[in-house]
N, C-alpha and C. Protein backbone atom coordinates (compact mmCIF):
# COMPACT_ATOMS: atom_id res chain seq x y z
N UNK A 1 -80.49 155.66 233.21
CA UNK A 1 -81.18 154.64 233.97
C UNK A 1 -80.37 153.35 233.90
N UNK A 2 -80.06 152.78 235.01
CA UNK A 2 -79.27 151.55 235.02
C UNK A 2 -80.18 150.35 235.21
N UNK A 3 -79.72 149.27 234.67
CA UNK A 3 -80.47 148.03 234.78
C UNK A 3 -80.05 147.35 236.08
N UNK A 4 -80.99 147.17 236.99
CA UNK A 4 -80.67 146.57 238.29
C UNK A 4 -80.53 145.05 238.20
N UNK A 5 -81.08 144.46 237.14
CA UNK A 5 -80.96 143.01 236.97
C UNK A 5 -79.58 142.67 236.44
N UNK A 6 -78.99 141.64 237.00
CA UNK A 6 -77.72 141.16 236.48
C UNK A 6 -77.98 140.32 235.24
N UNK A 7 -77.26 140.58 234.18
CA UNK A 7 -77.40 139.79 232.97
C UNK A 7 -76.55 138.54 233.09
N UNK A 8 -77.13 137.41 232.70
CA UNK A 8 -76.37 136.17 232.70
C UNK A 8 -75.40 136.20 231.52
N UNK A 9 -74.16 135.78 231.73
CA UNK A 9 -73.22 135.80 230.62
C UNK A 9 -73.55 134.77 229.53
N UNK A 10 -74.26 133.71 229.90
CA UNK A 10 -74.62 132.65 228.94
C UNK A 10 -76.07 132.24 229.18
N UNK A 11 -76.75 131.88 228.12
CA UNK A 11 -78.13 131.41 228.26
C UNK A 11 -78.19 129.96 228.74
N UNK A 12 -77.22 129.15 228.31
CA UNK A 12 -77.26 127.73 228.62
C UNK A 12 -75.92 127.26 229.17
N UNK A 13 -75.83 127.15 230.46
CA UNK A 13 -74.63 126.66 231.13
C UNK A 13 -74.93 125.29 231.72
N UNK A 14 -74.05 124.34 231.47
CA UNK A 14 -74.27 123.00 231.99
C UNK A 14 -74.00 122.97 233.49
N UNK A 15 -74.97 122.55 234.30
CA UNK A 15 -74.74 122.45 235.74
C UNK A 15 -73.82 121.29 236.10
N UNK A 16 -73.57 120.39 235.13
CA UNK A 16 -72.69 119.24 235.39
C UNK A 16 -71.37 119.36 234.62
N UNK A 17 -71.16 120.51 233.95
CA UNK A 17 -69.93 120.81 233.23
C UNK A 17 -69.65 119.88 232.05
N UNK A 18 -70.70 119.44 231.36
CA UNK A 18 -70.54 118.64 230.16
C UNK A 18 -71.31 119.28 229.00
N UNK A 19 -70.70 119.22 227.81
CA UNK A 19 -71.28 119.78 226.59
C UNK A 19 -71.12 118.77 225.46
N UNK A 20 -71.94 118.90 224.44
CA UNK A 20 -71.78 118.12 223.22
C UNK A 20 -71.55 119.11 222.09
N UNK A 21 -70.48 118.86 221.34
CA UNK A 21 -70.14 119.71 220.20
C UNK A 21 -70.27 118.92 218.91
N UNK A 22 -70.97 119.49 217.94
CA UNK A 22 -71.04 118.93 216.59
C UNK A 22 -69.91 119.52 215.78
N UNK A 23 -68.98 118.67 215.36
CA UNK A 23 -67.78 119.11 214.65
C UNK A 23 -67.85 118.61 213.21
N UNK A 24 -67.84 119.53 212.25
CA UNK A 24 -67.97 119.18 210.83
C UNK A 24 -66.59 119.16 210.18
N UNK A 25 -66.26 117.98 209.62
CA UNK A 25 -65.03 117.86 208.82
C UNK A 25 -65.42 117.38 207.42
N UNK A 26 -64.62 117.78 206.45
CA UNK A 26 -64.93 117.50 205.05
C UNK A 26 -63.71 116.90 204.36
N UNK A 27 -63.95 115.90 203.52
CA UNK A 27 -62.88 115.26 202.76
C UNK A 27 -62.67 116.04 201.47
N UNK A 28 -61.41 116.26 201.13
CA UNK A 28 -61.08 117.01 199.92
C UNK A 28 -59.97 116.32 199.17
N UNK A 29 -60.20 116.08 197.89
CA UNK A 29 -59.18 115.46 197.05
C UNK A 29 -58.34 116.49 196.34
N UNK A 30 -57.17 116.06 195.91
CA UNK A 30 -56.28 116.93 195.16
C UNK A 30 -56.91 117.26 193.81
N UNK A 31 -56.80 118.48 193.39
CA UNK A 31 -57.31 118.88 192.08
C UNK A 31 -58.77 119.32 192.08
N UNK A 32 -59.41 119.38 193.24
CA UNK A 32 -60.79 119.87 193.27
C UNK A 32 -60.82 121.35 192.93
N UNK A 33 -61.88 121.78 192.28
CA UNK A 33 -62.05 123.18 191.96
C UNK A 33 -62.44 123.94 193.23
N UNK A 34 -61.47 124.55 193.87
CA UNK A 34 -61.69 125.23 195.15
C UNK A 34 -62.69 126.37 195.07
N UNK A 35 -62.87 126.96 193.90
CA UNK A 35 -63.80 128.09 193.78
C UNK A 35 -65.25 127.64 193.61
N UNK A 36 -65.47 126.35 193.38
CA UNK A 36 -66.83 125.84 193.17
C UNK A 36 -67.40 125.33 194.49
N UNK A 37 -68.19 126.15 195.16
CA UNK A 37 -68.78 125.75 196.44
C UNK A 37 -69.96 124.78 196.24
N UNK A 38 -70.36 124.55 194.99
CA UNK A 38 -71.42 123.58 194.69
C UNK A 38 -70.88 122.17 194.45
N UNK A 39 -69.55 122.00 194.49
CA UNK A 39 -68.99 120.67 194.25
C UNK A 39 -69.42 119.72 195.36
N UNK A 40 -69.56 118.46 195.04
CA UNK A 40 -69.99 117.44 195.99
C UNK A 40 -68.80 116.95 196.80
N UNK A 41 -69.06 116.55 198.04
CA UNK A 41 -67.98 116.09 198.91
C UNK A 41 -68.52 115.11 199.94
N UNK A 42 -67.61 114.44 200.60
CA UNK A 42 -67.92 113.60 201.75
C UNK A 42 -67.66 114.43 202.99
N UNK A 43 -68.60 114.44 203.92
CA UNK A 43 -68.42 115.19 205.17
C UNK A 43 -68.90 114.34 206.33
N UNK A 44 -68.26 114.51 207.46
CA UNK A 44 -68.67 113.85 208.70
C UNK A 44 -69.00 114.92 209.73
N UNK A 45 -70.16 114.79 210.36
CA UNK A 45 -70.51 115.64 211.49
C UNK A 45 -70.37 114.76 212.73
N UNK A 46 -69.28 114.92 213.43
CA UNK A 46 -68.97 114.11 214.60
C UNK A 46 -69.42 114.81 215.87
N UNK A 47 -70.05 114.05 216.75
CA UNK A 47 -70.52 114.60 218.02
C UNK A 47 -69.50 114.24 219.10
N UNK A 48 -68.98 115.25 219.77
CA UNK A 48 -67.95 115.04 220.80
C UNK A 48 -68.46 115.49 222.17
N UNK A 49 -68.15 114.69 223.15
CA UNK A 49 -68.46 115.02 224.54
C UNK A 49 -67.31 115.85 225.09
N UNK A 50 -67.64 117.00 225.68
CA UNK A 50 -66.61 117.93 226.16
C UNK A 50 -66.87 118.31 227.61
N UNK A 51 -65.85 118.20 228.43
CA UNK A 51 -65.91 118.61 229.84
C UNK A 51 -65.39 120.05 229.90
N UNK A 52 -66.21 120.96 230.42
CA UNK A 52 -65.81 122.37 230.47
C UNK A 52 -66.59 123.09 231.56
N UNK A 53 -65.97 124.13 232.14
CA UNK A 53 -66.59 124.90 233.21
C UNK A 53 -67.67 125.84 232.71
N UNK A 54 -67.58 126.23 231.42
CA UNK A 54 -68.54 127.18 230.87
C UNK A 54 -68.56 127.05 229.34
N UNK A 55 -69.52 127.69 228.68
CA UNK A 55 -69.61 127.58 227.22
C UNK A 55 -68.36 128.06 226.48
N UNK A 56 -67.70 129.11 226.95
CA UNK A 56 -66.50 129.59 226.28
C UNK A 56 -65.40 128.53 226.28
N UNK A 57 -65.20 127.88 227.44
CA UNK A 57 -64.20 126.83 227.53
C UNK A 57 -64.58 125.66 226.62
N UNK A 58 -65.86 125.29 226.60
CA UNK A 58 -66.33 124.20 225.74
C UNK A 58 -66.10 124.54 224.27
N UNK A 59 -66.36 125.77 223.90
CA UNK A 59 -66.15 126.23 222.53
C UNK A 59 -64.69 126.12 222.13
N UNK A 60 -63.81 126.61 222.98
CA UNK A 60 -62.37 126.54 222.68
C UNK A 60 -61.90 125.09 222.55
N UNK A 61 -62.37 124.23 223.43
CA UNK A 61 -62.00 122.82 223.37
C UNK A 61 -62.53 122.17 222.08
N UNK A 62 -63.75 122.51 221.71
CA UNK A 62 -64.34 121.96 220.49
C UNK A 62 -63.55 122.39 219.26
N UNK A 63 -63.16 123.66 219.21
CA UNK A 63 -62.36 124.14 218.08
C UNK A 63 -61.02 123.40 218.02
N UNK A 64 -60.41 123.18 219.17
CA UNK A 64 -59.14 122.45 219.23
C UNK A 64 -59.31 121.03 218.71
N UNK A 65 -60.37 120.35 219.12
CA UNK A 65 -60.63 118.99 218.64
C UNK A 65 -60.84 119.00 217.13
N UNK A 66 -61.58 119.98 216.65
CA UNK A 66 -61.81 120.10 215.20
C UNK A 66 -60.53 120.31 214.43
N UNK A 67 -59.70 121.22 214.89
CA UNK A 67 -58.42 121.48 214.21
C UNK A 67 -57.53 120.25 214.24
N UNK A 68 -57.55 119.52 215.36
CA UNK A 68 -56.73 118.31 215.47
C UNK A 68 -57.24 117.18 214.59
N UNK A 69 -58.48 117.27 214.12
CA UNK A 69 -59.03 116.24 213.24
C UNK A 69 -58.58 116.42 211.80
N UNK A 70 -58.00 117.56 211.49
CA UNK A 70 -57.50 117.78 210.14
C UNK A 70 -56.33 116.85 209.87
N UNK A 71 -56.29 116.34 208.65
CA UNK A 71 -55.23 115.40 208.30
C UNK A 71 -55.00 115.48 206.80
N UNK A 72 -53.75 115.42 206.41
CA UNK A 72 -53.39 115.42 205.00
C UNK A 72 -52.46 114.24 204.77
N UNK A 73 -52.73 113.49 203.70
CA UNK A 73 -51.94 112.29 203.44
C UNK A 73 -52.06 111.89 201.97
N UNK A 74 -51.26 110.91 201.58
CA UNK A 74 -51.32 110.34 200.24
C UNK A 74 -52.15 109.07 200.34
N UNK A 75 -53.22 108.99 199.54
CA UNK A 75 -54.10 107.82 199.61
C UNK A 75 -53.50 106.65 198.83
N UNK A 76 -54.23 105.55 198.78
CA UNK A 76 -53.72 104.33 198.13
C UNK A 76 -53.56 104.49 196.61
N UNK A 77 -54.20 105.50 196.03
CA UNK A 77 -54.05 105.79 194.60
C UNK A 77 -52.92 106.78 194.34
N UNK A 78 -52.19 107.16 195.40
CA UNK A 78 -51.08 108.09 195.25
C UNK A 78 -51.49 109.54 195.16
N UNK A 79 -52.74 109.85 195.51
CA UNK A 79 -53.23 111.23 195.45
C UNK A 79 -53.12 111.90 196.81
N UNK A 80 -52.80 113.19 196.80
CA UNK A 80 -52.81 113.98 198.02
C UNK A 80 -54.26 114.30 198.37
N UNK A 81 -54.67 113.91 199.56
CA UNK A 81 -56.03 114.16 200.03
C UNK A 81 -55.97 114.71 201.45
N UNK A 82 -57.08 115.27 201.89
CA UNK A 82 -57.08 115.79 203.26
C UNK A 82 -58.48 115.87 203.83
N UNK A 83 -58.54 115.86 205.17
CA UNK A 83 -59.74 116.16 205.93
C UNK A 83 -59.61 117.60 206.40
N UNK A 84 -60.63 118.40 206.14
CA UNK A 84 -60.64 119.82 206.47
C UNK A 84 -61.68 120.07 207.56
N UNK A 85 -61.29 120.75 208.61
CA UNK A 85 -62.23 121.16 209.67
C UNK A 85 -62.98 122.38 209.18
N UNK A 86 -64.32 122.25 209.09
CA UNK A 86 -65.14 123.37 208.61
C UNK A 86 -65.65 124.24 209.75
N UNK A 87 -65.90 123.65 210.91
CA UNK A 87 -66.40 124.43 212.04
C UNK A 87 -67.37 123.62 212.87
N UNK A 88 -68.05 124.31 213.76
CA UNK A 88 -69.01 123.67 214.67
C UNK A 88 -70.43 123.81 214.13
N UNK A 89 -71.18 122.73 214.24
CA UNK A 89 -72.58 122.78 213.84
C UNK A 89 -73.50 122.97 215.04
N UNK A 90 -73.00 122.63 216.22
CA UNK A 90 -73.80 122.78 217.44
C UNK A 90 -72.89 122.75 218.66
N UNK A 91 -73.33 123.36 219.72
CA UNK A 91 -72.68 123.26 221.02
C UNK A 91 -73.80 123.27 222.05
N UNK A 92 -74.02 122.13 222.68
CA UNK A 92 -75.17 121.93 223.55
C UNK A 92 -74.72 121.65 224.98
N UNK A 93 -75.35 122.31 225.94
CA UNK A 93 -75.08 122.03 227.35
C UNK A 93 -75.88 120.81 227.78
N UNK A 94 -75.25 119.93 228.56
CA UNK A 94 -75.95 118.79 229.14
C UNK A 94 -76.42 119.17 230.54
N UNK A 95 -77.58 118.64 230.93
CA UNK A 95 -78.18 119.03 232.20
C UNK A 95 -78.33 117.90 233.20
N UNK A 96 -78.21 116.65 232.72
CA UNK A 96 -78.36 115.50 233.60
C UNK A 96 -77.03 114.79 233.75
N UNK A 97 -76.80 114.20 234.92
CA UNK A 97 -75.59 113.41 235.11
C UNK A 97 -75.51 112.32 234.06
N UNK A 98 -74.29 112.02 233.65
CA UNK A 98 -74.10 110.97 232.66
C UNK A 98 -74.23 109.62 233.33
N UNK A 99 -75.34 108.98 233.02
CA UNK A 99 -75.62 107.66 233.57
C UNK A 99 -76.57 106.97 232.62
N UNK A 100 -76.77 105.68 232.82
CA UNK A 100 -77.65 104.90 231.96
C UNK A 100 -79.03 105.55 231.89
N UNK A 101 -79.47 105.86 230.67
CA UNK A 101 -80.79 106.43 230.47
C UNK A 101 -80.88 107.94 230.56
N UNK A 102 -79.77 108.62 230.84
CA UNK A 102 -79.81 110.09 230.94
C UNK A 102 -80.15 110.70 229.58
N UNK A 103 -81.01 111.70 229.60
CA UNK A 103 -81.32 112.43 228.37
C UNK A 103 -80.18 113.39 228.09
N UNK A 104 -79.57 113.26 226.91
CA UNK A 104 -78.44 114.15 226.61
C UNK A 104 -78.72 115.11 225.46
N UNK A 105 -79.61 114.73 224.55
CA UNK A 105 -79.93 115.61 223.42
C UNK A 105 -81.42 115.51 223.14
N UNK A 106 -82.02 116.63 222.81
CA UNK A 106 -83.39 116.61 222.34
C UNK A 106 -83.52 117.59 221.19
N UNK A 107 -84.42 117.27 220.29
CA UNK A 107 -84.66 118.13 219.13
C UNK A 107 -86.17 118.36 219.04
N UNK A 108 -86.57 119.60 218.96
CA UNK A 108 -87.98 119.93 218.84
C UNK A 108 -88.35 120.00 217.37
N UNK A 109 -89.41 119.29 217.00
CA UNK A 109 -89.92 119.30 215.64
C UNK A 109 -91.31 119.91 215.67
N UNK A 110 -91.40 121.15 215.32
CA UNK A 110 -92.66 121.89 215.41
C UNK A 110 -93.40 121.87 214.08
N UNK A 111 -94.71 121.75 214.17
CA UNK A 111 -95.60 121.87 213.02
C UNK A 111 -95.28 120.83 211.93
N UNK A 112 -95.06 119.59 212.33
CA UNK A 112 -94.79 118.49 211.39
C UNK A 112 -96.02 117.60 211.31
N UNK A 113 -96.27 117.02 210.16
CA UNK A 113 -97.37 116.08 209.99
C UNK A 113 -97.05 114.80 210.75
N UNK A 114 -98.08 114.16 211.29
CA UNK A 114 -97.92 112.91 212.02
C UNK A 114 -97.23 111.88 211.12
N UNK A 115 -97.62 111.82 209.84
CA UNK A 115 -97.01 110.85 208.94
C UNK A 115 -95.52 111.13 208.74
N UNK A 116 -95.11 112.39 208.81
CA UNK A 116 -93.70 112.73 208.72
C UNK A 116 -92.95 112.18 209.92
N UNK A 117 -93.48 112.41 211.11
CA UNK A 117 -92.87 111.91 212.34
C UNK A 117 -92.79 110.39 212.28
N UNK A 118 -93.87 109.74 211.89
CA UNK A 118 -93.89 108.27 211.80
C UNK A 118 -92.88 107.78 210.76
N UNK A 119 -92.67 108.55 209.72
CA UNK A 119 -91.72 108.19 208.67
C UNK A 119 -90.26 108.22 209.13
N UNK A 120 -89.99 108.94 210.20
CA UNK A 120 -88.62 109.00 210.73
C UNK A 120 -88.27 107.80 211.60
N UNK A 121 -89.28 107.03 212.00
CA UNK A 121 -89.05 105.90 212.90
C UNK A 121 -88.42 104.75 212.11
N UNK A 122 -87.38 104.15 212.71
CA UNK A 122 -86.66 103.05 212.06
C UNK A 122 -86.89 101.74 212.80
N UNK A 123 -86.96 100.67 212.05
CA UNK A 123 -87.02 99.35 212.66
C UNK A 123 -85.63 99.02 213.21
N UNK A 124 -85.56 98.03 214.07
CA UNK A 124 -84.29 97.66 214.70
C UNK A 124 -83.20 97.45 213.66
N UNK A 125 -83.50 96.68 212.61
CA UNK A 125 -82.46 96.36 211.63
C UNK A 125 -82.01 97.56 210.81
N UNK A 126 -82.78 98.64 210.82
CA UNK A 126 -82.40 99.85 210.10
C UNK A 126 -81.72 100.90 210.98
N UNK A 127 -81.63 100.63 212.28
CA UNK A 127 -80.89 101.55 213.16
C UNK A 127 -79.39 101.42 212.86
N UNK A 128 -78.69 102.53 212.96
CA UNK A 128 -77.29 102.59 212.55
C UNK A 128 -76.41 101.53 213.22
N UNK A 129 -76.61 101.28 214.50
CA UNK A 129 -75.73 100.33 215.20
C UNK A 129 -75.90 98.89 214.73
N UNK A 130 -76.99 98.60 214.02
CA UNK A 130 -77.22 97.25 213.53
C UNK A 130 -76.89 97.09 212.05
N UNK A 131 -76.33 98.13 211.44
CA UNK A 131 -75.96 98.04 210.02
C UNK A 131 -74.76 97.13 209.86
N UNK A 132 -74.76 96.41 208.76
CA UNK A 132 -73.63 95.52 208.45
C UNK A 132 -72.80 96.17 207.35
N UNK A 133 -71.52 95.91 207.37
CA UNK A 133 -70.63 96.46 206.34
C UNK A 133 -70.97 95.96 204.96
């Protein structure tokens, strides 16, 4: 018995050819115990805007950006350090044209207490863009 319905190759394709990729990089110092996955580290999850015709192309571009973010150098203390690309944390299709006020990301929070939701709200001075060094 054959399936007469055509299967879509992807569940989420951006109609505007834009995606957001979460790229995780981690800082690693010389002499760290590589076998200890419980060791503490500094990591950045960077969100990148990617123009692509389909999810496969977006994925390949995101991996390339991640690999290009790797860097090894000698720090000011004379130690060999590096940024390591760990992988992607997310790849999201955008559905609205990029313009002022366009919704680009949403996160569903199911079965949360109202006080939990209210606890996530930040005052203006606590929003990241208003932080002072």
